[in-house]
Amino acid sequence: MVFVIGGLLLALLVQFGVAPRIVARENLRIWHAVGSGMYLVQWLCAGITLWITAGRRFGN
């Protein structure tokens, strides 16, 4: 559950915190790097959640 909530919070932060700064071209290089990093962590949270869920389903 921690990884699901973490991924959701990261999605909210990217949508309402990082994306408006990228659109406004405010320190574009920095905010793009921050957003990309947060997007990567979102995918890691999703992958870990899938891995844990699949392990429980198949008895591993």
PDB file of N, CA and C in Angstrom:
ATOM      1  N   MET A   1       0.820  -1.191   0.000  1.00  0.00           N
ATOM      2  CA  MET A   1       0.000   0.000   0.000  1.00  0.00           C
ATOM      3  C   MET A   1       0.868   1.260   0.000  1.00  0.00           C
ATOM      4  N   VAL A   2       2.033   1.178   0.597  1.00  0.00           N
ATOM      5  CA  VAL A   2       2.929   2.327   0.659  1.00  0.00           C
ATOM      6  C   VAL A   2       3.345   2.766  -0.744  1.00  0.00           C
ATOM      7  N   PHE A   3       3.624   1.793  -1.611  1.00  0.00           N
ATOM      8  CA  PHE A   3       4.083   2.130  -2.961  1.00  0.00           C
ATOM      9  C   PHE A   3       2.947   2.698  -3.817  1.00  0.00           C
ATOM     10  N   VAL A   4       1.731   2.238  -3.575  1.00  0.00           N
ATOM     11  CA  VAL A   4       0.577   2.772  -4.302  1.00  0.00           C
ATOM     12  C   VAL A   4       0.364   4.235  -3.913  1.00  0.00           C
ATOM     13  N   ILE A   5       0.350   4.509  -2.634  1.00  0.00           N
ATOM     14  CA  ILE A   5       0.146   5.885  -2.160  1.00  0.00           C
ATOM     15  C   ILE A   5       1.314   6.772  -2.584  1.00  0.00           C
ATOM     16  N   GLY A   6       2.528   6.236  -2.518  1.00  0.00           N
ATOM     17  CA  GLY A   6       3.693   7.010  -2.955  1.00  0.00           C
ATOM     18  C   GLY A   6       3.608   7.387  -4.424  1.00  0.00           C
ATOM     19  N   GLY A   7       3.205   6.440  -5.268  1.00  0.00           N
ATOM     20  CA  GLY A   7       3.055   6.727  -6.690  1.00  0.00           C
ATOM     21  C   GLY A   7       1.968   7.761  -6.952  1.00  0.00           C
ATOM     22  N   LEU A   8       0.871   7.657  -6.219  1.00  0.00           N
ATOM     23  CA  LEU A   8      -0.207   8.634  -6.380  1.00  0.00           C
ATOM     24  C   LEU A   8       0.226  10.036  -5.948  1.00  0.00           C
ATOM     25  N   LEU A   9       0.938  10.119  -4.839  1.00  0.00           N
ATOM     26  CA  LEU A   9       1.426  11.430  -4.386  1.00  0.00           C
ATOM     27  C   LEU A   9       2.416  12.034  -5.375  1.00  0.00           C
ATOM     28  N   LEU A  10       3.271  11.198  -5.927  1.00  0.00           N
ATOM     29  CA  LEU A  10       4.205  11.697  -6.943  1.00  0.00           C
ATOM     30  C   LEU A  10       3.464  12.198  -8.171  1.00  0.00           C
ATOM     31  N   ALA A  11       2.421  11.498  -8.577  1.00  0.00           N
ATOM     32  CA  ALA A  11       1.633  11.942  -9.728  1.00  0.00           C
ATOM     33  C   ALA A  11       1.008  13.306  -9.460  1.00  0.00           C
ATOM     34  N   LEU A  12       0.482  13.499  -8.266  1.00  0.00           N
ATOM     35  CA  LEU A  12      -0.096  14.796  -7.907  1.00  0.00           C
ATOM     36  C   LEU A  12       0.952  15.904  -7.893  1.00  0.00           C
ATOM     37  N   LEU A  13       2.119  15.589  -7.343  1.00  0.00           N
ATOM     38  CA  LEU A  13       3.186  16.594  -7.300  1.00  0.00           C
ATOM     39  C   LEU A  13       3.662  16.984  -8.694  1.00  0.00           C
ATOM     40  N   VAL A  14       3.771  16.004  -9.568  1.00  0.00           N
ATOM     41  CA  VAL A  14       4.186  16.311 -10.938  1.00  0.00           C
ATOM     42  C   VAL A  14       3.121  17.160 -11.632  1.00  0.00           C
ATOM     43  N   GLN A  15       1.859  16.766 -11.476  1.00  0.00           N
ATOM     44  CA  GLN A  15       0.773  17.456 -12.166  1.00  0.00           C
ATOM     45  C   GLN A  15       0.601  18.899 -11.703  1.00  0.00           C
ATOM     46  N   PHE A  16       0.632  19.111 -10.395  1.00  0.00           N
ATOM     47  CA  PHE A  16       0.311  20.432  -9.875  1.00  0.00           C
ATOM     48  C   PHE A  16       1.523  21.225  -9.397  1.00  0.00           C
ATOM     49  N   GLY A  17       2.680  20.597  -9.290  1.00  0.00           N
ATOM     50  CA  GLY A  17       3.867  21.298  -8.830  1.00  0.00           C
ATOM     51  C   GLY A  17       4.916  21.510  -9.910  1.00  0.00           C
ATOM     52  N   VAL A  18       5.191  20.479 -10.673  1.00  0.00           N
ATOM     53  CA  VAL A  18       6.272  20.538 -11.651  1.00  0.00           C
ATOM     54  C   VAL A  18       5.774  20.986 -13.027  1.00  0.00           C
ATOM     55  N   ALA A  19       4.684  20.406 -13.482  1.00  0.00           N
ATOM     56  CA  ALA A  19       4.191  20.698 -14.832  1.00  0.00           C
ATOM     57  C   ALA A  19       3.901  22.179 -15.075  1.00  0.00           C
ATOM     58  N   PRO A  20       3.278  22.896 -14.131  1.00  0.00           N
ATOM     59  CA  PRO A  20       3.049  24.326 -14.392  1.00  0.00           C
ATOM     60  C   PRO A  20       4.348  25.123 -14.554  1.00  0.00           C
ATOM     61  N   ARG A  21       5.385  24.705 -13.861  1.00  0.00           N
ATOM     62  CA  ARG A  21       6.669  25.407 -13.996  1.00  0.00           C
ATOM     63  C   ARG A  21       7.330  25.104 -15.336  1.00  0.00           C
ATOM     64  N   ILE A  22       7.135  23.883 -15.829  1.00  0.00           N
ATOM     65  CA  ILE A  22       7.675  23.545 -17.145  1.00  0.00           C
ATOM     66  C   ILE A  22       6.934  24.330 -18.223  1.00  0.00           C
ATOM     67  N   VAL A  23       5.616  24.407 -18.117  1.00  0.00           N
ATOM     68  CA  VAL A  23       4.818  25.144 -19.104  1.00  0.00           C
ATOM     69  C   VAL A  23       5.184  26.623 -19.091  1.00  0.00           C
ATOM     70  N   ALA A  24       5.475  27.164 -17.902  1.00  0.00           N
ATOM     71  CA  ALA A  24       5.836  28.575 -17.778  1.00  0.00           C
ATOM     72  C   ALA A  24       7.292  28.839 -18.170  1.00  0.00           C
ATOM     73  N   ARG A  25       8.009  27.781 -18.522  1.00  0.00           N
ATOM     74  CA  ARG A  25       9.426  27.878 -18.901  1.00  0.00           C
ATOM     75  C   ARG A  25      10.271  28.500 -17.794  1.00  0.00           C
ATOM     76  N   GLU A  26       9.968  28.121 -16.576  1.00  0.00           N
ATOM     77  CA  GLU A  26      10.656  28.624 -15.390  1.00  0.00           C
ATOM     78  C   GLU A  26      11.752  27.629 -15.021  1.00  0.00           C
ATOM     79  N   ASN A  27      13.013  27.976 -15.251  1.00  0.00           N
ATOM     80  CA  ASN A  27      14.137  27.054 -15.019  1.00  0.00           C
ATOM     81  C   ASN A  27      13.847  25.701 -15.664  1.00  0.00           C
ATOM     82  N   LEU A  28      13.616  25.732 -16.950  1.00  0.00           N
ATOM     83  CA  LEU A  28      13.109  24.577 -17.692  1.00  0.00           C
ATOM     84  C   LEU A  28      13.969  23.327 -17.509  1.00  0.00           C
ATOM     85  N   ARG A  29      15.264  23.473 -17.585  1.00  0.00           N
ATOM     86  CA  ARG A  29      16.150  22.312 -17.495  1.00  0.00           C
ATOM     87  C   ARG A  29      16.035  21.635 -16.130  1.00  0.00           C
ATOM     88  N   ILE A  30      16.013  22.414 -15.070  1.00  0.00           N
ATOM     89  CA  ILE A  30      15.935  21.860 -13.717  1.00  0.00           C
ATOM     90  C   ILE A  30      14.595  21.163 -13.494  1.00  0.00           C
ATOM     91  N   TRP A  31      13.490  21.851 -13.827  1.00  0.00           N
ATOM     92  CA  TRP A  31      12.174  21.284 -13.569  1.00  0.00           C
ATOM     93  C   TRP A  31      11.891  20.069 -14.442  1.00  0.00           C
ATOM     94  N   HIS A  32      12.432  20.059 -15.641  1.00  0.00           N
ATOM     95  CA  HIS A  32      12.265  18.889 -16.499  1.00  0.00           C
ATOM     96  C   HIS A  32      13.006  17.695 -15.905  1.00  0.00           C
ATOM     97  N   ALA A  33      14.187  17.927 -15.375  1.00  0.00           N
ATOM     98  CA  ALA A  33      14.948  16.853 -14.740  1.00  0.00           C
ATOM     99  C   ALA A  33      14.240  16.343 -13.483  1.00  0.00           C
ATOM    100  N   VAL A  34      13.705  17.258 -12.687  1.00  0.00           N
ATOM    101  CA  VAL A  34      12.973  16.868 -11.485  1.00  0.00           C
ATOM    102  C   VAL A  34      11.730  16.057 -11.864  1.00  0.00           C
ATOM    103  N   GLY A  35      10.985  16.533 -12.850  1.00  0.00           N
ATOM    104  CA  GLY A  35       9.790  15.821 -13.292  1.00  0.00           C
ATOM    105  C   GLY A  35      10.109  14.446 -13.852  1.00  0.00           C
ATOM    106  N   SER A  36      11.179  14.348 -14.608  1.00  0.00           N
ATOM    107  CA  SER A  36      11.580  13.050 -15.162  1.00  0.00           C
ATOM    108  C   SER A  36      11.986  12.084 -14.057  1.00  0.00           C
ATOM    109  N   GLY A  37      12.693  12.583 -13.069  1.00  0.00           N
ATOM    110  CA  GLY A  37      13.077  11.746 -11.930  1.00  0.00           C
ATOM    111  C   GLY A  37      11.867  11.257 -11.153  1.00  0.00           C
ATOM    112  N   MET A  38      10.903  12.156 -10.950  1.00  0.00           N
ATOM    113  CA  MET A  38       9.689  11.772 -10.233  1.00  0.00           C
ATOM    114  C   MET A  38       8.882  10.757 -11.043  1.00  0.00           C
ATOM    115  N   TYR A  39       8.871  10.917 -12.347  1.00  0.00           N
ATOM    116  CA  TYR A  39       8.171   9.974 -13.223  1.00  0.00           C
ATOM    117  C   TYR A  39       8.828   8.596 -13.147  1.00  0.00           C
ATOM    118  N   LEU A  40      10.149   8.561 -13.088  1.00  0.00           N
ATOM    119  CA  LEU A  40      10.872   7.300 -12.957  1.00  0.00           C
ATOM    120  C   LEU A  40      10.525   6.618 -11.638  1.00  0.00           C
ATOM    121  N   VAL A  41      10.471   7.376 -10.561  1.00  0.00           N
ATOM    122  CA  VAL A  41      10.122   6.804  -9.257  1.00  0.00           C
ATOM    123  C   VAL A  41       8.682   6.298  -9.268  1.00  0.00           C
ATOM    124  N   GLN A  42       7.791   6.988  -9.986  1.00  0.00           N
ATOM    125  CA  GLN A  42       6.414   6.499 -10.129  1.00  0.00           C
ATOM    126  C   GLN A  42       6.403   5.111 -10.778  1.00  0.00           C
ATOM    127  N   TRP A  43       7.178   4.941 -11.829  1.00  0.00           N
ATOM    128  CA  TRP A  43       7.236   3.650 -12.506  1.00  0.00           C
ATOM    129  C   TRP A  43       7.832   2.584 -11.601  1.00  0.00           C
ATOM    130  N   LEU A  44       8.811   2.955 -10.802  1.00  0.00           N
ATOM    131  CA  LEU A  44       9.382   1.993  -9.856  1.00  0.00           C
ATOM    132  C   LEU A  44       8.345   1.569  -8.821  1.00  0.00           C
ATOM    133  N   CYS A  45       7.571   2.513  -8.318  1.00  0.00           N
ATOM    134  CA  CYS A  45       6.502   2.186  -7.367  1.00  0.00           C
ATOM    135  C   CYS A  45       5.477   1.246  -8.014  1.00  0.00           C
ATOM    136  N   ALA A  46       5.116   1.517  -9.245  1.00  0.00           N
ATOM    137  CA  ALA A  46       4.161   0.660  -9.952  1.00  0.00           C
ATOM    138  C   ALA A  46       4.748  -0.739 -10.164  1.00  0.00           C
ATOM    139  N   GLY A  47       5.995  -0.812 -10.540  1.00  0.00           N
ATOM    140  CA  GLY A  47       6.647  -2.105 -10.756  1.00  0.00           C
ATOM    141  C   GLY A  47       6.755  -2.919  -9.473  1.00  0.00           C
ATOM    142  N   ILE A  48       7.123  -2.265  -8.383  1.00  0.00           N
ATOM    143  CA  ILE A  48       7.222  -2.960  -7.103  1.00  0.00           C
ATOM    144  C   ILE A  48       5.848  -3.453  -6.658  1.00  0.00           C
ATOM    145  N   THR A  49       4.833  -2.617  -6.836  1.00  0.00           N
ATOM    146  CA  THR A  49       3.471  -3.020  -6.482  1.00  0.00           C
ATOM    147  C   THR A  49       3.034  -4.232  -7.295  1.00  0.00           C
ATOM    148  N   LEU A  50       3.302  -4.220  -8.581  1.00  0.00           N
ATOM    149  CA  LEU A  50       2.956  -5.349  -9.441  1.00  0.00           C
ATOM    150  C   LEU A  50       3.701  -6.610  -9.029  1.00  0.00           C
ATOM    151  N   TRP A  51       4.976  -6.458  -8.710  1.00  0.00           N
ATOM    152  CA  TRP A  51       5.799  -7.591  -8.309  1.00  0.00           C
ATOM    153  C   TRP A  51       5.272  -8.211  -7.015  1.00  0.00           C
ATOM    154  N   ILE A  52       4.957  -7.364  -6.035  1.00  0.00           N
ATOM    155  CA  ILE A  52       4.426  -7.858  -4.757  1.00  0.00           C
ATOM    156  C   ILE A  52       3.067  -8.522  -4.968  1.00  0.00           C
ATOM    157  N   THR A  53       2.216  -7.893  -5.750  1.00  0.00           N
ATOM    158  CA  THR A  53       0.878  -8.440  -5.994  1.00  0.00           C
ATOM    159  C   THR A  53       0.954  -9.770  -6.739  1.00  0.00           C
ATOM    160  N   ALA A  54       1.803  -9.859  -7.729  1.00  0.00           N
ATOM    161  CA  ALA A  54       1.947 -11.108  -8.484  1.00  0.00           C
ATOM    162  C   ALA A  54       2.536 -12.200  -7.601  1.00  0.00           C
ATOM    163  N   GLY A  55       3.457 -11.858  -6.727  1.00  0.00           N
ATOM    164  CA  GLY A  55       4.036 -12.846  -5.822  1.00  0.00           C
ATOM    165  C   GLY A  55       3.013 -13.422  -4.870  1.00  0.00           C
ATOM    166  N   ARG A  56       2.115 -12.584  -4.375  1.00  0.00           N
ATOM    167  CA  ARG A  56       1.068 -13.066  -3.471  1.00  0.00           C
ATOM    168  C   ARG A  56       0.059 -13.944  -4.216  1.00  0.00           C
ATOM    169  N   ARG A  57      -0.218 -13.571  -5.452  1.00  0.00           N
ATOM    170  CA  ARG A  57      -1.228 -14.308  -6.214  1.00  0.00           C
ATOM    171  C   ARG A  57      -0.750 -15.708  -6.568  1.00  0.00           C
ATOM    172  N   PHE A  58       0.527 -15.819  -6.918  1.00  0.00           N
ATOM    173  CA  PHE A  58       1.042 -17.113  -7.355  1.00  0.00           C
ATOM    174  C   PHE A  58       1.751 -17.873  -6.233  1.00  0.00           C
ATOM    175  N   GLY A  59       1.661 -17.356  -5.017  1.00  0.00           N
ATOM    176  CA  GLY A  59       2.183 -18.082  -3.866  1.00  0.00           C
ATOM    177  C   GLY A  59       3.688 -18.036  -3.666  1.00  0.00           C
ATOM    178  N   ASN A  60       4.357 -17.071  -4.256  1.00  0.00           N
ATOM    179  CA  ASN A  60       5.815 -16.957  -4.091  1.00  0.00           C
ATOM    180  C   ASN A  60       6.149 -16.186  -2.866  1.00  0.00           C
TER     181      ASN A  60
END
